[in-house]
Amino acid sequence: MLNPLAQFELLSDAAQLAVTGGLLWLFAGFAAVMERRRAKRRDLDRLEQVGWVPWTGLFMLAAMLGGGCLALSLPVVIGGL
């Protein structure tokens, strides 16, 4: 049985783009949840709990890159070429 990296390498270019785009969208969803958690925190005055990760920027970057990867892979994945 091949390891997941070897299986990924055996996929076509379009399938690799589709998997990468899906993983980027999964990360974008995680970033959106984390930004919502930070925005909905209970004690707004405690600045030390805010965090330093720019979740909104990471969400936007991952969503756009993932959407681009999925858009590029869509014709080949649907058409089966």
PDB file of N, CA and C in Angstrom:
ATOM      1  N   MET A   1       0.845  -1.181   0.000  1.00  0.00           N
ATOM      2  CA  MET A   1       0.000   0.000   0.000  1.00  0.00           C
ATOM      3  C   MET A   1       0.892   1.246   0.000  1.00  0.00           C
ATOM      4  N   LEU A   2       0.565   2.166  -0.869  1.00  0.00           N
ATOM      5  CA  LEU A   2       1.356   3.390  -0.988  1.00  0.00           C
ATOM      6  C   LEU A   2       0.989   4.383   0.108  1.00  0.00           C
ATOM      7  N   ASN A   3       1.979   5.169   0.493  1.00  0.00           N
ATOM      8  CA  ASN A   3       1.674   6.220   1.464  1.00  0.00           C
ATOM      9  C   ASN A   3       0.906   7.344   0.758  1.00  0.00           C
ATOM     10  N   PRO A   4       0.250   8.215   1.510  1.00  0.00           N
ATOM     11  CA  PRO A   4      -0.591   9.249   0.882  1.00  0.00           C
ATOM     12  C   PRO A   4       0.176  10.188  -0.048  1.00  0.00           C
ATOM     13  N   LEU A   5       1.428  10.487   0.271  1.00  0.00           N
ATOM     14  CA  LEU A   5       2.205  11.372  -0.597  1.00  0.00           C
ATOM     15  C   LEU A   5       2.485  10.710  -1.945  1.00  0.00           C
ATOM     16  N   ALA A   6       2.789   9.417  -1.931  1.00  0.00           N
ATOM     17  CA  ALA A   6       3.023   8.699  -3.180  1.00  0.00           C
ATOM     18  C   ALA A   6       1.739   8.610  -3.998  1.00  0.00           C
ATOM     19  N   GLN A   7       0.609   8.415  -3.338  1.00  0.00           N
ATOM     20  CA  GLN A   7      -0.667   8.388  -4.056  1.00  0.00           C
ATOM     21  C   GLN A   7      -0.978   9.744  -4.658  1.00  0.00           C
ATOM     22  N   PHE A   8      -0.671  10.817  -3.939  1.00  0.00           N
ATOM     23  CA  PHE A   8      -0.893  12.163  -4.453  1.00  0.00           C
ATOM     24  C   PHE A   8      -0.027  12.419  -5.677  1.00  0.00           C
ATOM     25  N   GLU A   9       1.214  11.935  -5.663  1.00  0.00           N
ATOM     26  CA  GLU A   9       2.108  12.124  -6.797  1.00  0.00           C
ATOM     27  C   GLU A   9       1.630  11.383  -8.041  1.00  0.00           C
ATOM     28  N   LEU A  10       0.880  10.308  -7.872  1.00  0.00           N
ATOM     29  CA  LEU A  10       0.396   9.530  -9.003  1.00  0.00           C
ATOM     30  C   LEU A  10      -0.864  10.120  -9.642  1.00  0.00           C
ATOM     31  N   LEU A  11      -1.492  11.078  -8.992  1.00  0.00           N
ATOM     32  CA  LEU A  11      -2.683  11.711  -9.547  1.00  0.00           C
ATOM     33  C   LEU A  11      -2.317  12.595 -10.731  1.00  0.00           C
ATOM     34  N   SER A  12      -3.299  12.878 -11.573  1.00  0.00           N
ATOM     35  CA  SER A  12      -3.070  13.803 -12.677  1.00  0.00           C
ATOM     36  C   SER A  12      -2.903  15.215 -12.132  1.00  0.00           C
ATOM     37  N   ASP A  13      -2.434  16.117 -12.981  1.00  0.00           N
ATOM     38  CA  ASP A  13      -2.241  17.506 -12.553  1.00  0.00           C
ATOM     39  C   ASP A  13      -3.560  18.132 -12.107  1.00  0.00           C
ATOM     40  N   ALA A  14      -4.624  17.854 -12.833  1.00  0.00           N
ATOM     41  CA  ALA A  14      -5.928  18.428 -12.483  1.00  0.00           C
ATOM     42  C   ALA A  14      -6.427  17.873 -11.153  1.00  0.00           C
ATOM     43  N   ALA A  15      -6.224  16.591 -10.920  1.00  0.00           N
ATOM     44  CA  ALA A  15      -6.648  15.997  -9.650  1.00  0.00           C
ATOM     45  C   ALA A  15      -5.819  16.554  -8.495  1.00  0.00           C
ATOM     46  N   GLN A  16      -4.521  16.783  -8.731  1.00  0.00           N
ATOM     47  CA  GLN A  16      -3.691  17.398  -7.695  1.00  0.00           C
ATOM     48  C   GLN A  16      -4.165  18.809  -7.381  1.00  0.00           C
ATOM     49  N   LEU A  17      -4.545  19.570  -8.421  1.00  0.00           N
ATOM     50  CA  LEU A  17      -5.090  20.912  -8.187  1.00  0.00           C
ATOM     51  C   LEU A  17      -6.401  20.842  -7.416  1.00  0.00           C
ATOM     52  N   ALA A  18      -7.245  19.868  -7.734  1.00  0.00           N
ATOM     53  CA  ALA A  18      -8.527  19.735  -7.042  1.00  0.00           C
ATOM     54  C   ALA A  18      -8.319  19.394  -5.569  1.00  0.00           C
ATOM     55  N   VAL A  19      -7.403  18.493  -5.281  1.00  0.00           N
ATOM     56  CA  VAL A  19      -7.131  18.125  -3.886  1.00  0.00           C
ATOM     57  C   VAL A  19      -6.541  19.307  -3.140  1.00  0.00           C
ATOM     58  N   THR A  20      -5.601  20.001  -3.772  1.00  0.00           N
ATOM     59  CA  THR A  20      -4.990  21.166  -3.134  1.00  0.00           C
ATOM     60  C   THR A  20      -6.031  22.253  -2.883  1.00  0.00           C
ATOM     61  N   GLY A  21      -6.893  22.506  -3.857  1.00  0.00           N
ATOM     62  CA  GLY A  21      -7.953  23.502  -3.676  1.00  0.00           C
ATOM     63  C   GLY A  21      -8.912  23.126  -2.562  1.00  0.00           C
ATOM     64  N   GLY A  22      -9.257  21.858  -2.483  1.00  0.00           N
ATOM     65  CA  GLY A  22     -10.127  21.403  -1.400  1.00  0.00           C
ATOM     66  C   GLY A  22      -9.493  21.571  -0.034  1.00  0.00           C
ATOM     67  N   LEU A  23      -8.201  21.259   0.062  1.00  0.00           N
ATOM     68  CA  LEU A  23      -7.501  21.434   1.335  1.00  0.00           C
ATOM     69  C   LEU A  23      -7.387  22.911   1.706  1.00  0.00           C
ATOM     70  N   LEU A  24      -7.174  23.769   0.709  1.00  0.00           N
ATOM     71  CA  LEU A  24      -7.126  25.206   0.996  1.00  0.00           C
ATOM     72  C   LEU A  24      -8.478  25.714   1.469  1.00  0.00           C
ATOM     73  N   TRP A  25      -9.563  25.215   0.894  1.00  0.00           N
ATOM     74  CA  TRP A  25     -10.893  25.625   1.351  1.00  0.00           C
ATOM     75  C   TRP A  25     -11.175  25.090   2.746  1.00  0.00           C
ATOM     76  N   LEU A  26     -10.681  23.915   3.047  1.00  0.00           N
ATOM     77  CA  LEU A  26     -10.831  23.383   4.405  1.00  0.00           C
ATOM     78  C   LEU A  26     -10.107  24.279   5.409  1.00  0.00           C
ATOM     79  N   PHE A  27      -8.892  24.716   5.058  1.00  0.00           N
ATOM     80  CA  PHE A  27      -8.157  25.632   5.925  1.00  0.00           C
ATOM     81  C   PHE A  27      -8.868  26.979   6.019  1.00  0.00           C
ATOM     82  N   ALA A  28      -9.453  27.442   4.920  1.00  0.00           N
ATOM     83  CA  ALA A  28     -10.192  28.712   4.948  1.00  0.00           C
ATOM     84  C   ALA A  28     -11.383  28.609   5.907  1.00  0.00           C
ATOM     85  N   GLY A  29     -12.049  27.477   5.919  1.00  0.00           N
ATOM     86  CA  GLY A  29     -13.144  27.276   6.867  1.00  0.00           C
ATOM     87  C   GLY A  29     -12.654  27.301   8.304  1.00  0.00           C
ATOM     88  N   PHE A  30     -11.504  26.681   8.553  1.00  0.00           N
ATOM     89  CA  PHE A  30     -10.912  26.720   9.889  1.00  0.00           C
ATOM     90  C   PHE A  30     -10.573  28.154  10.290  1.00  0.00           C
ATOM     91  N   ALA A  31     -10.000  28.926   9.357  1.00  0.00           N
ATOM     92  CA  ALA A  31      -9.644  30.311   9.655  1.00  0.00           C
ATOM     93  C   ALA A  31     -10.895  31.142   9.941  1.00  0.00           C
ATOM     94  N   ALA A  32     -11.971  30.884   9.217  1.00  0.00           N
ATOM     95  CA  ALA A  32     -13.220  31.611   9.460  1.00  0.00           C
ATOM     96  C   ALA A  32     -13.771  31.303  10.851  1.00  0.00           C
ATOM     97  N   VAL A  33     -13.693  30.045  11.257  1.00  0.00           N
ATOM     98  CA  VAL A  33     -14.166  29.665  12.594  1.00  0.00           C
ATOM     99  C   VAL A  33     -13.309  30.325  13.668  1.00  0.00           C
ATOM    100  N   MET A  34     -12.008  30.361  13.463  1.00  0.00           N
ATOM    101  CA  MET A  34     -11.127  30.971  14.449  1.00  0.00           C
ATOM    102  C   MET A  34     -11.345  32.480  14.540  1.00  0.00           C
ATOM    103  N   GLU A  35     -11.591  33.139  13.418  1.00  0.00           N
ATOM    104  CA  GLU A  35     -11.875  34.577  13.453  1.00  0.00           C
ATOM    105  C   GLU A  35     -13.197  34.841  14.165  1.00  0.00           C
ATOM    106  N   ARG A  36     -14.183  33.979  13.938  1.00  0.00           N
ATOM    107  CA  ARG A  36     -15.468  34.142  14.630  1.00  0.00           C
ATOM    108  C   ARG A  36     -15.300  33.942  16.131  1.00  0.00           C
ATOM    109  N   ARG A  37     -14.472  32.971  16.520  1.00  0.00           N
ATOM    110  CA  ARG A  37     -14.202  32.763  17.951  1.00  0.00           C
ATOM    111  C   ARG A  37     -13.563  33.990  18.570  1.00  0.00           C
ATOM    112  N   ARG A  38     -12.621  34.594  17.845  1.00  0.00           N
ATOM    113  CA  ARG A  38     -11.950  35.768  18.383  1.00  0.00           C
ATOM    114  C   ARG A  38     -12.909  36.948  18.469  1.00  0.00           C
ATOM    115  N   ALA A  39     -13.774  37.097  17.495  1.00  0.00           N
ATOM    116  CA  ALA A  39     -14.712  38.217  17.498  1.00  0.00           C
ATOM    117  C   ALA A  39     -15.792  38.064  18.571  1.00  0.00           C
ATOM    118  N   LYS A  40     -16.136  36.835  18.912  1.00  0.00           N
ATOM    119  CA  LYS A  40     -17.214  36.580  19.873  1.00  0.00           C
ATOM    120  C   LYS A  40     -16.700  36.283  21.277  1.00  0.00           C
ATOM    121  N   ARG A  41     -15.452  36.653  21.592  1.00  0.00           N
ATOM    122  CA  ARG A  41     -14.929  36.350  22.920  1.00  0.00           C
ATOM    123  C   ARG A  41     -15.725  37.118  23.982  1.00  0.00           C
ATOM    124  N   ARG A  42     -15.739  36.576  25.175  1.00  0.00           N
ATOM    125  CA  ARG A  42     -16.590  37.117  26.236  1.00  0.00           C
ATOM    126  C   ARG A  42     -16.070  38.426  26.811  1.00  0.00           C
ATOM    127  N   ASP A  43     -14.801  38.464  27.128  1.00  0.00           N
ATOM    128  CA  ASP A  43     -14.240  39.643  27.780  1.00  0.00           C
ATOM    129  C   ASP A  43     -13.465  40.462  26.752  1.00  0.00           C
ATOM    130  N   LEU A  44     -14.093  41.483  26.201  1.00  0.00           N
ATOM    131  CA  LEU A  44     -13.490  42.273  25.137  1.00  0.00           C
ATOM    132  C   LEU A  44     -12.345  43.154  25.620  1.00  0.00           C
ATOM    133  N   ASP A  45     -12.274  43.415  26.924  1.00  0.00           N
ATOM    134  CA  ASP A  45     -11.249  44.310  27.455  1.00  0.00           C
ATOM    135  C   ASP A  45      -9.906  43.626  27.685  1.00  0.00           C
ATOM    136  N   ARG A  46      -9.866  42.319  27.701  1.00  0.00           N
ATOM    137  CA  ARG A  46      -8.604  41.614  27.948  1.00  0.00           C
ATOM    138  C   ARG A  46      -7.852  41.455  26.626  1.00  0.00           C
ATOM    139  N   LEU A  47      -6.911  42.352  26.397  1.00  0.00           N
ATOM    140  CA  LEU A  47      -6.200  42.380  25.129  1.00  0.00           C
ATOM    141  C   LEU A  47      -5.190  41.243  24.979  1.00  0.00           C
ATOM    142  N   GLU A  48      -4.738  40.670  26.081  1.00  0.00           N
ATOM    143  CA  GLU A  48      -3.732  39.622  25.961  1.00  0.00           C
ATOM    144  C   GLU A  48      -4.311  38.335  25.389  1.00  0.00           C
ATOM    145  N   GLN A  49      -5.633  38.213  25.325  1.00  0.00           N
ATOM    146  CA  GLN A  49      -6.240  37.009  24.780  1.00  0.00           C
ATOM    147  C   GLN A  49      -6.640  37.157  23.320  1.00  0.00           C
ATOM    148  N   VAL A  50      -6.359  38.281  22.721  1.00  0.00           N
ATOM    149  CA  VAL A  50      -6.821  38.512  21.349  1.00  0.00           C
ATOM    150  C   VAL A  50      -6.095  37.629  20.361  1.00  0.00           C
ATOM    151  N   GLY A  51      -4.817  37.478  20.485  1.00  0.00           N
ATOM    152  CA  GLY A  51      -4.051  36.665  19.555  1.00  0.00           C
ATOM    153  C   GLY A  51      -3.404  37.520  18.483  1.00  0.00           C
ATOM    154  N   TRP A  52      -2.462  36.939  17.775  1.00  0.00           N
ATOM    155  CA  TRP A  52      -1.698  37.692  16.801  1.00  0.00           C
ATOM    156  C   TRP A  52      -1.899  37.184  15.375  1.00  0.00           C
ATOM    157  N   VAL A  53      -2.648  36.098  15.194  1.00  0.00           N
ATOM    158  CA  VAL A  53      -2.814  35.510  13.864  1.00  0.00           C
ATOM    159  C   VAL A  53      -3.854  36.307  13.076  1.00  0.00           C
ATOM    160  N   PRO A  54      -3.512  36.757  11.870  1.00  0.00           N
ATOM    161  CA  PRO A  54      -4.471  37.500  11.043  1.00  0.00           C
ATOM    162  C   PRO A  54      -5.437  36.538  10.334  1.00  0.00           C
ATOM    163  N   TRP A  55      -6.437  36.041  11.058  1.00  0.00           N
ATOM    164  CA  TRP A  55      -7.322  35.012  10.530  1.00  0.00           C
ATOM    165  C   TRP A  55      -8.100  35.482   9.312  1.00  0.00           C
ATOM    166  N   THR A  56      -8.516  36.739   9.287  1.00  0.00           N
ATOM    167  CA  THR A  56      -9.284  37.223   8.142  1.00  0.00           C
ATOM    168  C   THR A  56      -8.430  37.211   6.879  1.00  0.00           C
ATOM    169  N   GLY A  57      -7.208  37.679   6.992  1.00  0.00           N
ATOM    170  CA  GLY A  57      -6.311  37.670   5.837  1.00  0.00           C
ATOM    171  C   GLY A  57      -5.985  36.258   5.370  1.00  0.00           C
ATOM    172  N   LEU A  58      -5.758  35.348   6.319  1.00  0.00           N
ATOM    173  CA  LEU A  58      -5.503  33.958   5.959  1.00  0.00           C
ATOM    174  C   LEU A  58      -6.723  33.324   5.304  1.00  0.00           C
ATOM    175  N   PHE A  59      -7.908  33.655   5.811  1.00  0.00           N
ATOM    176  CA  PHE A  59      -9.133  33.147   5.200  1.00  0.00           C
ATOM    177  C   PHE A  59      -9.250  33.606   3.756  1.00  0.00           C
ATOM    178  N   MET A  60      -9.049  34.906   3.533  1.00  0.00           N
ATOM    179  CA  MET A  60      -9.185  35.438   2.178  1.00  0.00           C
ATOM    180  C   MET A  60      -8.158  34.811   1.234  1.00  0.00           C
ATOM    181  N   LEU A  61      -6.912  34.714   1.676  1.00  0.00           N
ATOM    182  CA  LEU A  61      -5.859  34.148   0.847  1.00  0.00           C
ATOM    183  C   LEU A  61      -6.153  32.681   0.514  1.00  0.00           C
ATOM    184  N   ALA A  62      -6.494  31.898   1.521  1.00  0.00           N
ATOM    185  CA  ALA A  62      -6.757  30.475   1.295  1.00  0.00           C
ATOM    186  C   ALA A  62      -8.001  30.271   0.438  1.00  0.00           C
ATOM    187  N   ALA A  63      -9.040  31.072   0.658  1.00  0.00           N
ATOM    188  CA  ALA A  63     -10.267  30.919  -0.129  1.00  0.00           C
ATOM    189  C   ALA A  63     -10.025  31.280  -1.595  1.00  0.00           C
ATOM    190  N   MET A  64      -9.275  32.341  -1.848  1.00  0.00           N
ATOM    191  CA  MET A  64      -9.017  32.732  -3.239  1.00  0.00           C
ATOM    192  C   MET A  64      -8.104  31.731  -3.935  1.00  0.00           C
ATOM    193  N   LEU A  65      -7.036  31.303  -3.260  1.00  0.00           N
ATOM    194  CA  LEU A  65      -6.146  30.318  -3.879  1.00  0.00           C
ATOM    195  C   LEU A  65      -6.856  28.978  -4.091  1.00  0.00           C
ATOM    196  N   GLY A  66      -7.637  28.557  -3.113  1.00  0.00           N
ATOM    197  CA  GLY A  66      -8.379  27.307  -3.255  1.00  0.00           C
ATOM    198  C   GLY A  66      -9.415  27.377  -4.361  1.00  0.00           C
ATOM    199  N   GLY A  67     -10.113  28.503  -4.446  1.00  0.00           N
ATOM    200  CA  GLY A  67     -11.078  28.674  -5.525  1.00  0.00           C
ATOM    201  C   GLY A  67     -10.421  28.686  -6.890  1.00  0.00           C
ATOM    202  N   GLY A  68      -9.256  29.311  -6.974  1.00  0.00           N
ATOM    203  CA  GLY A  68      -8.516  29.304  -8.232  1.00  0.00           C
ATOM    204  C   GLY A  68      -8.066  27.913  -8.628  1.00  0.00           C
ATOM    205  N   CYS A  69      -7.562  27.153  -7.662  1.00  0.00           N
ATOM    206  CA  CYS A  69      -7.147  25.773  -7.948  1.00  0.00           C
ATOM    207  C   CYS A  69      -8.335  24.925  -8.396  1.00  0.00           C
ATOM    208  N   LEU A  70      -9.454  25.070  -7.717  1.00  0.00           N
ATOM    209  CA  LEU A  70     -10.635  24.296  -8.091  1.00  0.00           C
ATOM    210  C   LEU A  70     -11.174  24.725  -9.447  1.00  0.00           C
ATOM    211  N   ALA A  71     -11.136  26.020  -9.734  1.00  0.00           N
ATOM    212  CA  ALA A  71     -11.622  26.500 -11.028  1.00  0.00           C
ATOM    213  C   ALA A  71     -10.745  25.991 -12.171  1.00  0.00           C
ATOM    214  N   LEU A  72      -9.439  25.935 -11.960  1.00  0.00           N
ATOM    215  CA  LEU A  72      -8.550  25.427 -12.999  1.00  0.00           C
ATOM    216  C   LEU A  72      -8.699  23.927 -13.221  1.00  0.00           C
ATOM    217  N   SER A  73      -9.023  23.201 -12.180  1.00  0.00           N
ATOM    218  CA  SER A  73      -9.130  21.749 -12.313  1.00  0.00           C
ATOM    219  C   SER A  73     -10.513  21.287 -12.737  1.00  0.00           C
ATOM    220  N   LEU A  74     -11.489  22.139 -12.646  1.00  0.00           N
ATOM    221  CA  LEU A  74     -12.878  21.735 -12.894  1.00  0.00           C
ATOM    222  C   LEU A  74     -13.135  21.167 -14.286  1.00  0.00           C
ATOM    223  N   PRO A  75     -12.716  21.791 -15.369  1.00  0.00           N
ATOM    224  CA  PRO A  75     -13.029  21.224 -16.690  1.00  0.00           C
ATOM    225  C   PRO A  75     -12.474  19.829 -16.896  1.00  0.00           C
ATOM    226  N   VAL A  76     -11.263  19.568 -16.411  1.00  0.00           N
ATOM    227  CA  VAL A  76     -10.667  18.258 -16.617  1.00  0.00           C
ATOM    228  C   VAL A  76     -11.307  17.215 -15.700  1.00  0.00           C
ATOM    229  N   VAL A  77     -11.602  17.609 -14.466  1.00  0.00           N
ATOM    230  CA  VAL A  77     -12.207  16.662 -13.522  1.00  0.00           C
ATOM    231  C   VAL A  77     -13.621  16.294 -13.974  1.00  0.00           C
ATOM    232  N   ILE A  78     -14.394  17.284 -14.419  1.00  0.00           N
ATOM    233  CA  ILE A  78     -15.757  17.001 -14.889  1.00  0.00           C
ATOM    234  C   ILE A  78     -15.745  16.242 -16.217  1.00  0.00           C
ATOM    235  N   GLY A  79     -14.897  16.698 -17.139  1.00  0.00           N
ATOM    236  CA  GLY A  79     -14.846  16.087 -18.453  1.00  0.00           C
ATOM    237  C   GLY A  79     -14.168  14.732 -18.485  1.00  0.00           C
ATOM    238  N   GLY A  80     -13.360  14.436 -17.489  1.00  0.00           N
ATOM    239  CA  GLY A  80     -12.689  13.153 -17.417  1.00  0.00           C
ATOM    240  C   GLY A  80     -11.587  12.995 -18.450  1.00  0.00           C
ATOM    241  N   LEU A  81     -11.006  14.106 -18.861  1.00  0.00           N
ATOM    242  CA  LEU A  81      -9.948  14.007 -19.881  1.00  0.00           C
ATOM    243  C   LEU A  81      -8.669  13.569 -19.290  1.00  0.00           C
TER     244      LEU A  81
END
